[in-house]
Amino acid sequence: MRNKYKHRSNRITKADKEAMKSDNRIERDFEANEPLINVVTDITEVKTANGKLYVSVI
């Protein structure tokens, strides 16, 4: 038996081993006494007809 479709990687994220690592300021402690104290986000790249669009939701 073989898989009918070959799995393709997304080829988007490539780790840069030379890059400086960011400080882990939140240290998995997501509790806060006030709103907007611990805010985290992620950036997504979307290819469009007009070029790349970067989306980040907070």
PDB file of N, CA and C in Angstrom:
ATOM      1  N   MET A   1       0.835  -1.187   0.000  1.00  0.00           N
ATOM      2  CA  MET A   1       0.000   0.000   0.000  1.00  0.00           C
ATOM      3  C   MET A   1       0.873   1.241   0.000  1.00  0.00           C
ATOM      4  N   ARG A   2       0.451   2.213  -0.770  1.00  0.00           N
ATOM      5  CA  ARG A   2       1.162   3.478  -0.807  1.00  0.00           C
ATOM      6  C   ARG A   2       0.167   4.619  -0.723  1.00  0.00           C
ATOM      7  N   ASN A   3       0.629   5.705  -0.158  1.00  0.00           N
ATOM      8  CA  ASN A   3      -0.198   6.897  -0.085  1.00  0.00           C
ATOM      9  C   ASN A   3      -0.382   7.461  -1.495  1.00  0.00           C
ATOM     10  N   LYS A   4      -1.607   7.810  -1.844  1.00  0.00           N
ATOM     11  CA  LYS A   4      -1.884   8.308  -3.186  1.00  0.00           C
ATOM     12  C   LYS A   4      -1.275   9.695  -3.408  1.00  0.00           C
ATOM     13  N   TYR A   5      -1.266  10.521  -2.364  1.00  0.00           N
ATOM     14  CA  TYR A   5      -0.765  11.888  -2.483  1.00  0.00           C
ATOM     15  C   TYR A   5       0.527  12.052  -1.703  1.00  0.00           C
ATOM     16  N   LYS A   6       1.477  12.700  -2.307  1.00  0.00           N
ATOM     17  CA  LYS A   6       2.748  12.959  -1.638  1.00  0.00           C
ATOM     18  C   LYS A   6       2.598  14.207  -0.769  1.00  0.00           C
ATOM     19  N   HIS A   7       3.047  14.118   0.462  1.00  0.00           N
ATOM     20  CA  HIS A   7       2.956  15.248   1.391  1.00  0.00           C
ATOM     21  C   HIS A   7       3.981  16.313   1.021  1.00  0.00           C
ATOM     22  N   ARG A   8       3.511  17.540   0.844  1.00  0.00           N
ATOM     23  CA  ARG A   8       4.408  18.663   0.565  1.00  0.00           C
ATOM     24  C   ARG A   8       4.530  19.529   1.800  1.00  0.00           C
ATOM     25  N   SER A   9       5.732  19.888   2.162  1.00  0.00           N
ATOM     26  CA  SER A   9       5.900  20.813   3.278  1.00  0.00           C
ATOM     27  C   SER A   9       5.531  22.210   2.815  1.00  0.00           C
ATOM     28  N   ASN A  10       5.216  23.091   3.766  1.00  0.00           N
ATOM     29  CA  ASN A  10       4.777  24.438   3.396  1.00  0.00           C
ATOM     30  C   ASN A  10       5.925  25.328   2.929  1.00  0.00           C
ATOM     31  N   ARG A  11       7.130  24.952   3.239  1.00  0.00           N
ATOM     32  CA  ARG A  11       8.335  25.678   2.824  1.00  0.00           C
ATOM     33  C   ARG A  11       8.309  27.158   3.213  1.00  0.00           C
ATOM     34  N   ILE A  12       7.594  27.486   4.266  1.00  0.00           N
ATOM     35  CA  ILE A  12       7.500  28.882   4.689  1.00  0.00           C
ATOM     36  C   ILE A  12       8.465  29.159   5.841  1.00  0.00           C
ATOM     37  N   THR A  13       8.351  28.387   6.897  1.00  0.00           N
ATOM     38  CA  THR A  13       9.142  28.646   8.095  1.00  0.00           C
ATOM     39  C   THR A  13      10.486  27.947   8.003  1.00  0.00           C
ATOM     40  N   LYS A  14      11.535  28.734   8.099  1.00  0.00           N
ATOM     41  CA  LYS A  14      12.887  28.177   8.113  1.00  0.00           C
ATOM     42  C   LYS A  14      13.623  28.784   9.301  1.00  0.00           C
ATOM     43  N   ALA A  15      14.063  27.938  10.198  1.00  0.00           N
ATOM     44  CA  ALA A  15      14.756  28.409  11.391  1.00  0.00           C
ATOM     45  C   ALA A  15      16.104  29.000  11.015  1.00  0.00           C
ATOM     46  N   ASP A  16      16.408  30.147  11.581  1.00  0.00           N
ATOM     47  CA  ASP A  16      17.700  30.790  11.399  1.00  0.00           C
ATOM     48  C   ASP A  16      18.538  30.505  12.638  1.00  0.00           C
ATOM     49  N   LYS A  17      19.476  29.595  12.513  1.00  0.00           N
ATOM     50  CA  LYS A  17      20.267  29.181  13.669  1.00  0.00           C
ATOM     51  C   LYS A  17      21.208  30.275  14.157  1.00  0.00           C
ATOM     52  N   GLU A  18      21.470  31.292  13.326  1.00  0.00           N
ATOM     53  CA  GLU A  18      22.362  32.389  13.707  1.00  0.00           C
ATOM     54  C   GLU A  18      21.599  33.518  14.408  1.00  0.00           C
ATOM     55  N   ALA A  19      20.272  33.533  14.293  1.00  0.00           N
ATOM     56  CA  ALA A  19      19.473  34.639  14.842  1.00  0.00           C
ATOM     57  C   ALA A  19      19.463  34.605  16.367  1.00  0.00           C
ATOM     58  N   MET A  20      19.372  35.799  16.959  1.00  0.00           N
ATOM     59  CA  MET A  20      19.263  35.904  18.407  1.00  0.00           C
ATOM     60  C   MET A  20      17.875  35.460  18.830  1.00  0.00           C
ATOM     61  N   LYS A  21      17.777  34.719  19.890  1.00  0.00           N
ATOM     62  CA  LYS A  21      16.495  34.275  20.415  1.00  0.00           C
ATOM     63  C   LYS A  21      15.901  35.372  21.288  1.00  0.00           C
ATOM     64  N   SER A  22      14.597  35.523  21.223  1.00  0.00           N
ATOM     65  CA  SER A  22      13.908  36.510  22.052  1.00  0.00           C
ATOM     66  C   SER A  22      13.817  36.005  23.484  1.00  0.00           C
ATOM     67  N   ASP A  23      13.752  36.944  24.417  1.00  0.00           N
ATOM     68  CA  ASP A  23      13.579  36.583  25.818  1.00  0.00           C
ATOM     69  C   ASP A  23      12.190  36.000  26.029  1.00  0.00           C
ATOM     70  N   ASN A  24      12.087  34.995  26.864  1.00  0.00           N
ATOM     71  CA  ASN A  24      10.800  34.402  27.213  1.00  0.00           C
ATOM     72  C   ASN A  24      10.231  35.190  28.388  1.00  0.00           C
ATOM     73  N   ARG A  25       9.604  36.307  28.099  1.00  0.00           N
ATOM     74  CA  ARG A  25       9.134  37.196  29.158  1.00  0.00           C
ATOM     75  C   ARG A  25       7.879  36.693  29.851  1.00  0.00           C
ATOM     76  N   ILE A  26       7.057  35.935  29.153  1.00  0.00           N
ATOM     77  CA  ILE A  26       5.794  35.504  29.748  1.00  0.00           C
ATOM     78  C   ILE A  26       5.952  34.189  30.514  1.00  0.00           C
ATOM     79  N   GLU A  27       6.936  33.381  30.149  1.00  0.00           N
ATOM     80  CA  GLU A  27       7.271  32.122  30.821  1.00  0.00           C
ATOM     81  C   GLU A  27       6.045  31.271  31.122  1.00  0.00           C
ATOM     82  N   ARG A  28       5.118  31.172  30.144  1.00  0.00           N
ATOM     83  CA  ARG A  28       3.901  30.368  30.210  1.00  0.00           C
ATOM     84  C   ARG A  28       3.009  30.735  31.382  1.00  0.00           C
ATOM     85  N   ASP A  29       3.142  31.949  31.917  1.00  0.00           N
ATOM     86  CA  ASP A  29       2.260  32.445  32.966  1.00  0.00           C
ATOM     87  C   ASP A  29       1.268  33.398  32.307  1.00  0.00           C
ATOM     88  N   PHE A  30       0.074  32.892  32.001  1.00  0.00           N
ATOM     89  CA  PHE A  30      -0.905  33.674  31.259  1.00  0.00           C
ATOM     90  C   PHE A  30      -1.910  34.375  32.165  1.00  0.00           C
ATOM     91  N   GLU A  31      -1.695  34.359  33.454  1.00  0.00           N
ATOM     92  CA  GLU A  31      -2.586  35.072  34.371  1.00  0.00           C
ATOM     93  C   GLU A  31      -2.141  36.523  34.477  1.00  0.00           C
ATOM     94  N   ALA A  32      -3.123  37.434  34.554  1.00  0.00           N
ATOM     95  CA  ALA A  32      -2.817  38.857  34.690  1.00  0.00           C
ATOM     96  C   ALA A  32      -3.864  39.511  35.571  1.00  0.00           C
ATOM     97  N   ASN A  33      -3.452  40.532  36.326  1.00  0.00           N
ATOM     98  CA  ASN A  33      -4.366  41.248  37.212  1.00  0.00           C
ATOM     99  C   ASN A  33      -5.127  42.342  36.483  1.00  0.00           C
ATOM    100  N   GLU A  34      -4.642  42.752  35.317  1.00  0.00           N
ATOM    101  CA  GLU A  34      -5.267  43.810  34.529  1.00  0.00           C
ATOM    102  C   GLU A  34      -5.361  43.361  33.066  1.00  0.00           C
ATOM    103  N   PRO A  35      -6.298  43.968  32.304  1.00  0.00           N
ATOM    104  CA  PRO A  35      -6.358  43.652  30.869  1.00  0.00           C
ATOM    105  C   PRO A  35      -5.113  44.158  30.138  1.00  0.00           C
ATOM    106  N   LEU A  36      -4.771  43.493  29.071  1.00  0.00           N
ATOM    107  CA  LEU A  36      -3.662  43.862  28.186  1.00  0.00           C
ATOM    108  C   LEU A  36      -2.290  43.867  28.859  1.00  0.00           C
ATOM    109  N   ILE A  37      -2.111  43.034  29.861  1.00  0.00           N
ATOM    110  CA  ILE A  37      -0.791  42.904  30.502  1.00  0.00           C
ATOM    111  C   ILE A  37       0.045  41.870  29.749  1.00  0.00           C
ATOM    112  N   ASN A  38      -0.526  40.699  29.513  1.00  0.00           N
ATOM    113  CA  ASN A  38       0.160  39.631  28.782  1.00  0.00           C
ATOM    114  C   ASN A  38      -0.491  39.505  27.410  1.00  0.00           C
ATOM    115  N   VAL A  39       0.096  40.112  26.414  1.00  0.00           N
ATOM    116  CA  VAL A  39      -0.447  40.073  25.055  1.00  0.00           C
ATOM    117  C   VAL A  39       0.564  39.362  24.161  1.00  0.00           C
ATOM    118  N   VAL A  40       0.100  38.320  23.462  1.00  0.00           N
ATOM    119  CA  VAL A  40       0.955  37.604  22.526  1.00  0.00           C
ATOM    120  C   VAL A  40       0.259  37.541  21.174  1.00  0.00           C
ATOM    121  N   THR A  41       1.037  37.411  20.120  1.00  0.00           N
ATOM    122  CA  THR A  41       0.471  37.346  18.777  1.00  0.00           C
ATOM    123  C   THR A  41       1.376  36.524  17.878  1.00  0.00           C
ATOM    124  N   ASP A  42       0.931  36.316  16.676  1.00  0.00           N
ATOM    125  CA  ASP A  42       1.697  35.608  15.663  1.00  0.00           C
ATOM    126  C   ASP A  42       1.473  36.328  14.341  1.00  0.00           C
ATOM    127  N   ILE A  43       2.397  36.210  13.429  1.00  0.00           N
ATOM    128  CA  ILE A  43       2.286  36.860  12.120  1.00  0.00           C
ATOM    129  C   ILE A  43       2.105  35.780  11.062  1.00  0.00           C
ATOM    130  N   THR A  44       1.155  36.005  10.160  1.00  0.00           N
ATOM    131  CA  THR A  44       0.901  35.086   9.066  1.00  0.00           C
ATOM    132  C   THR A  44       1.107  35.806   7.743  1.00  0.00           C
ATOM    133  N   GLU A  45       1.806  35.169   6.823  1.00  0.00           N
ATOM    134  CA  GLU A  45       2.034  35.739   5.489  1.00  0.00           C
ATOM    135  C   GLU A  45       1.028  35.122   4.525  1.00  0.00           C
ATOM    136  N   VAL A  46       0.300  35.984   3.805  1.00  0.00           N
ATOM    137  CA  VAL A  46      -0.683  35.532   2.834  1.00  0.00           C
ATOM    138  C   VAL A  46      -0.281  36.073   1.469  1.00  0.00           C
ATOM    139  N   LYS A  47      -0.158  35.190   0.493  1.00  0.00           N
ATOM    140  CA  LYS A  47       0.174  35.631  -0.863  1.00  0.00           C
ATOM    141  C   LYS A  47      -1.113  36.063  -1.557  1.00  0.00           C
ATOM    142  N   THR A  48      -1.117  37.262  -2.134  1.00  0.00           N
ATOM    143  CA  THR A  48      -2.277  37.780  -2.844  1.00  0.00           C
ATOM    144  C   THR A  48      -1.869  38.122  -4.270  1.00  0.00           C
ATOM    145  N   ALA A  49      -2.839  38.509  -5.083  1.00  0.00           N
ATOM    146  CA  ALA A  49      -2.559  38.901  -6.468  1.00  0.00           C
ATOM    147  C   ALA A  49      -1.688  40.154  -6.510  1.00  0.00           C
ATOM    148  N   ASN A  50      -1.756  40.990  -5.480  1.00  0.00           N
ATOM    149  CA  ASN A  50      -0.989  42.241  -5.425  1.00  0.00           C
ATOM    150  C   ASN A  50       0.325  42.113  -4.667  1.00  0.00           C
ATOM    151  N   GLY A  51       0.649  40.939  -4.190  1.00  0.00           N
ATOM    152  CA  GLY A  51       1.887  40.739  -3.436  1.00  0.00           C
ATOM    153  C   GLY A  51       1.600  40.056  -2.109  1.00  0.00           C
ATOM    154  N   LYS A  52       2.501  40.206  -1.168  1.00  0.00           N
ATOM    155  CA  LYS A  52       2.361  39.569   0.139  1.00  0.00           C
ATOM    156  C   LYS A  52       1.592  40.466   1.083  1.00  0.00           C
ATOM    157  N   LEU A  53       0.791  39.835   1.938  1.00  0.00           N
ATOM    158  CA  LEU A  53       0.042  40.525   2.973  1.00  0.00           C
ATOM    159  C   LEU A  53       0.416  39.871   4.295  1.00  0.00           C
ATOM    160  N   TYR A  54       0.776  40.664   5.269  1.00  0.00           N
ATOM    161  CA  TYR A  54       1.120  40.139   6.587  1.00  0.00           C
ATOM    162  C   TYR A  54      -0.010  40.457   7.562  1.00  0.00           C
ATOM    163  N   VAL A  55      -0.529  39.433   8.245  1.00  0.00           N
ATOM    164  CA  VAL A  55      -1.666  39.585   9.133  1.00  0.00           C
ATOM    165  C   VAL A  55      -1.236  39.212  10.540  1.00  0.00           C
ATOM    166  N   SER A  56      -1.585  40.060  11.504  1.00  0.00           N
ATOM    167  CA  SER A  56      -1.324  39.784  12.909  1.00  0.00           C
ATOM    168  C   SER A  56      -2.532  40.238  13.707  1.00  0.00           C
ATOM    169  N   VAL A  57      -3.142  39.298  14.424  1.00  0.00           N
ATOM    170  CA  VAL A  57      -4.330  39.607  15.219  1.00  0.00           C
ATOM    171  C   VAL A  57      -3.943  39.661  16.681  1.00  0.00           C
ATOM    172  N   ILE A  58      -4.372  40.703  17.350  1.00  0.00           N
ATOM    173  CA  ILE A  58      -4.128  40.833  18.794  1.00  0.00           C
ATOM    174  C   ILE A  58      -5.455  40.773  19.518  1.00  0.00           C
TER     175      ILE A  58
END
